[in-house]
Amino acid sequence: MNVKRNREATIMRKIKSIDFLKNSDNSYDVLITYTNDDQLTYGTLRFDDKQDAWVLWYTGQGGDDGVAYHESFQETDDQVKDEIADWNNSM
């Protein structure tokens, strides 16, 4: 079950896992699962050929602003997971 929730409502929950669900070779959904099994689709990673980098597009933010990461999916995966964990631990 994929439950989309507003970030403010999920801040105080402990993260169980951060997963990258493959949509295609160039697109992954970033899914956070909390210890109570609630889930949040954090955003979508898409590879941008012009930037030669993975770009994270946050769910529900609107607009056309994404955050560019690395050419390597593994480096991007590691950095996004670290940033989400740091964000969650800072609350």
C-alpha atoms as a PDB file:
ATOM      1  CA  MET A   1       0.000   0.000   0.000  1.00  0.00           C
ATOM      2  CA  ASN A   2       1.480   3.331  -1.045  1.00  0.00           C
ATOM      3  CA  VAL A   3       0.146   6.170   1.076  1.00  0.00           C
ATOM      4  CA  LYS A   4       1.146   9.673   0.028  1.00  0.00           C
ATOM      5  CA  ARG A   5       1.354  11.952   3.024  1.00  0.00           C
ATOM      6  CA  ASN A   6       2.391  15.502   3.627  1.00  0.00           C
ATOM      7  CA  ARG A   7       5.974  15.790   4.938  1.00  0.00           C
ATOM      8  CA  GLU A   8       5.024  17.730   8.057  1.00  0.00           C
ATOM      9  CA  ALA A   9       2.764  14.891   9.205  1.00  0.00           C
ATOM     10  CA  THR A  10       5.582  12.348   8.947  1.00  0.00           C
ATOM     11  CA  ILE A  11       8.500  14.232  10.515  1.00  0.00           C
ATOM     12  CA  MET A  12       8.358  12.608  13.950  1.00  0.00           C
ATOM     13  CA  ARG A  13       8.182   9.013  12.685  1.00  0.00           C
ATOM     14  CA  LYS A  14      11.170   6.730  12.667  1.00  0.00           C
ATOM     15  CA  ILE A  15      12.279   5.538   9.243  1.00  0.00           C
ATOM     16  CA  LYS A  16      12.348   1.796   8.659  1.00  0.00           C
ATOM     17  CA  SER A  17      13.618   1.895   5.077  1.00  0.00           C
ATOM     18  CA  ILE A  18      14.299   4.119   2.087  1.00  0.00           C
ATOM     19  CA  ASP A  19      13.766   2.311  -1.192  1.00  0.00           C
ATOM     20  CA  PHE A  20      14.216   3.149  -4.841  1.00  0.00           C
ATOM     21  CA  LEU A  21      11.466   1.528  -6.915  1.00  0.00           C
ATOM     22  CA  LYS A  22      12.438   1.201 -10.556  1.00  0.00           C
ATOM     23  CA  ASN A  23       9.969   2.629 -13.071  1.00  0.00           C
ATOM     24  CA  SER A  24      12.394   2.356 -15.994  1.00  0.00           C
ATOM     25  CA  ASP A  25      16.152   2.471 -16.593  1.00  0.00           C
ATOM     26  CA  ASN A  26      16.026   6.256 -16.174  1.00  0.00           C
ATOM     27  CA  SER A  27      13.368   6.681 -13.471  1.00  0.00           C
ATOM     28  CA  TYR A  28      12.956   5.550  -9.850  1.00  0.00           C
ATOM     29  CA  ASP A  29      10.396   6.474  -7.185  1.00  0.00           C
ATOM     30  CA  VAL A  30      11.911   7.215  -3.766  1.00  0.00           C
ATOM     31  CA  LEU A  31       9.749   5.539  -1.118  1.00  0.00           C
ATOM     32  CA  ILE A  32      10.135   6.029   2.644  1.00  0.00           C
ATOM     33  CA  THR A  33       8.638   3.363   4.899  1.00  0.00           C
ATOM     34  CA  TYR A  34       8.213   4.179   8.570  1.00  0.00           C
ATOM     35  CA  THR A  35       8.329   1.738  11.489  1.00  0.00           C
ATOM     36  CA  ASN A  36       4.515   1.812  11.704  1.00  0.00           C
ATOM     37  CA  ASP A  37       4.484   0.744   7.997  1.00  0.00           C
ATOM     38  CA  ASP A  38       3.119   4.080   6.734  1.00  0.00           C
ATOM     39  CA  GLN A  39       4.704   4.993   3.427  1.00  0.00           C
ATOM     40  CA  LEU A  40       5.586   8.268   1.765  1.00  0.00           C
ATOM     41  CA  THR A  41       6.513   8.716  -1.867  1.00  0.00           C
ATOM     42  CA  TYR A  42       9.281  11.271  -1.317  1.00  0.00           C
ATOM     43  CA  GLY A  43       9.915  11.990  -4.978  1.00  0.00           C
ATOM     44  CA  THR A  44      11.095  10.631  -8.298  1.00  0.00           C
ATOM     45  CA  LEU A  45      14.662  10.346  -9.543  1.00  0.00           C
ATOM     46  CA  ARG A  46      15.069  10.818 -13.276  1.00  0.00           C
ATOM     47  CA  PHE A  47      18.268  10.778 -15.269  1.00  0.00           C
ATOM     48  CA  ASP A  48      18.752  14.073 -17.124  1.00  0.00           C
ATOM     49  CA  ASP A  49      20.864  13.629 -20.246  1.00  0.00           C
ATOM     50  CA  LYS A  50      21.547  17.368 -20.547  1.00  0.00           C
ATOM     51  CA  GLN A  51      23.017  17.545 -17.031  1.00  0.00           C
ATOM     52  CA  ASP A  52      24.430  14.009 -17.201  1.00  0.00           C
ATOM     53  CA  ALA A  53      23.098  13.514 -13.665  1.00  0.00           C
ATOM     54  CA  TRP A  54      20.235  12.028 -11.680  1.00  0.00           C
ATOM     55  CA  VAL A  55      17.680  14.677 -10.666  1.00  0.00           C
ATOM     56  CA  LEU A  56      15.302  14.298  -7.713  1.00  0.00           C
ATOM     57  CA  TRP A  57      11.844  15.751  -8.258  1.00  0.00           C
ATOM     58  CA  TYR A  58      10.005  16.044  -4.926  1.00  0.00           C
ATOM     59  CA  THR A  59       6.411  14.780  -4.765  1.00  0.00           C
ATOM     60  CA  GLY A  60       3.782  17.456  -4.328  1.00  0.00           C
ATOM     61  CA  GLN A  61       6.143  20.414  -4.618  1.00  0.00           C
ATOM     62  CA  GLY A  62       4.938  21.585  -8.018  1.00  0.00           C
ATOM     63  CA  GLY A  63       7.025  23.803 -10.236  1.00  0.00           C
ATOM     64  CA  ASP A  64       9.953  22.670 -12.292  1.00  0.00           C
ATOM     65  CA  ASP A  65      12.740  22.662  -9.702  1.00  0.00           C
ATOM     66  CA  GLY A  66      14.603  19.437  -9.119  1.00  0.00           C
ATOM     67  CA  VAL A  67      17.850  18.738  -7.306  1.00  0.00           C
ATOM     68  CA  ALA A  68      20.698  17.374  -9.441  1.00  0.00           C
ATOM     69  CA  TYR A  69      22.997  14.747  -7.945  1.00  0.00           C
ATOM     70  CA  HIS A  70      25.552  12.499  -9.644  1.00  0.00           C
ATOM     71  CA  GLU A  71      25.983  10.668 -12.929  1.00  0.00           C
ATOM     72  CA  SER A  72      26.302   7.432 -10.941  1.00  0.00           C
ATOM     73  CA  PHE A  73      23.033   5.971  -9.668  1.00  0.00           C
ATOM     74  CA  GLN A  74      24.811   4.359  -6.689  1.00  0.00           C
ATOM     75  CA  GLU A  75      26.371   7.657  -5.568  1.00  0.00           C
ATOM     76  CA  THR A  76      22.985   9.350  -5.933  1.00  0.00           C
ATOM     77  CA  ASP A  77      21.245   6.553  -4.017  1.00  0.00           C
ATOM     78  CA  ASP A  78      23.735   6.852  -1.155  1.00  0.00           C
ATOM     79  CA  GLN A  79      23.536  10.644  -0.965  1.00  0.00           C
ATOM     80  CA  VAL A  80      19.727  10.808  -1.105  1.00  0.00           C
ATOM     81  CA  LYS A  81      19.432   8.161   1.633  1.00  0.00           C
ATOM     82  CA  ASP A  82      21.929  10.063   3.811  1.00  0.00           C
ATOM     83  CA  GLU A  83      20.086  13.362   3.298  1.00  0.00           C
ATOM     84  CA  ILE A  84      16.688  11.845   4.146  1.00  0.00           C
ATOM     85  CA  ALA A  85      18.110  10.160   7.265  1.00  0.00           C
ATOM     86  CA  ASP A  86      19.813  13.401   8.366  1.00  0.00           C
ATOM     87  CA  TRP A  87      16.604  15.374   7.761  1.00  0.00           C
ATOM     88  CA  ASN A  88      14.567  12.853   9.769  1.00  0.00           C
ATOM     89  CA  ASN A  89      17.110  12.760  12.624  1.00  0.00           C
ATOM     90  CA  SER A  90      17.226  16.557  12.859  1.00  0.00           C
ATOM     91  CA  MET A  91      13.524  16.789  13.744  1.00  0.00           C
END
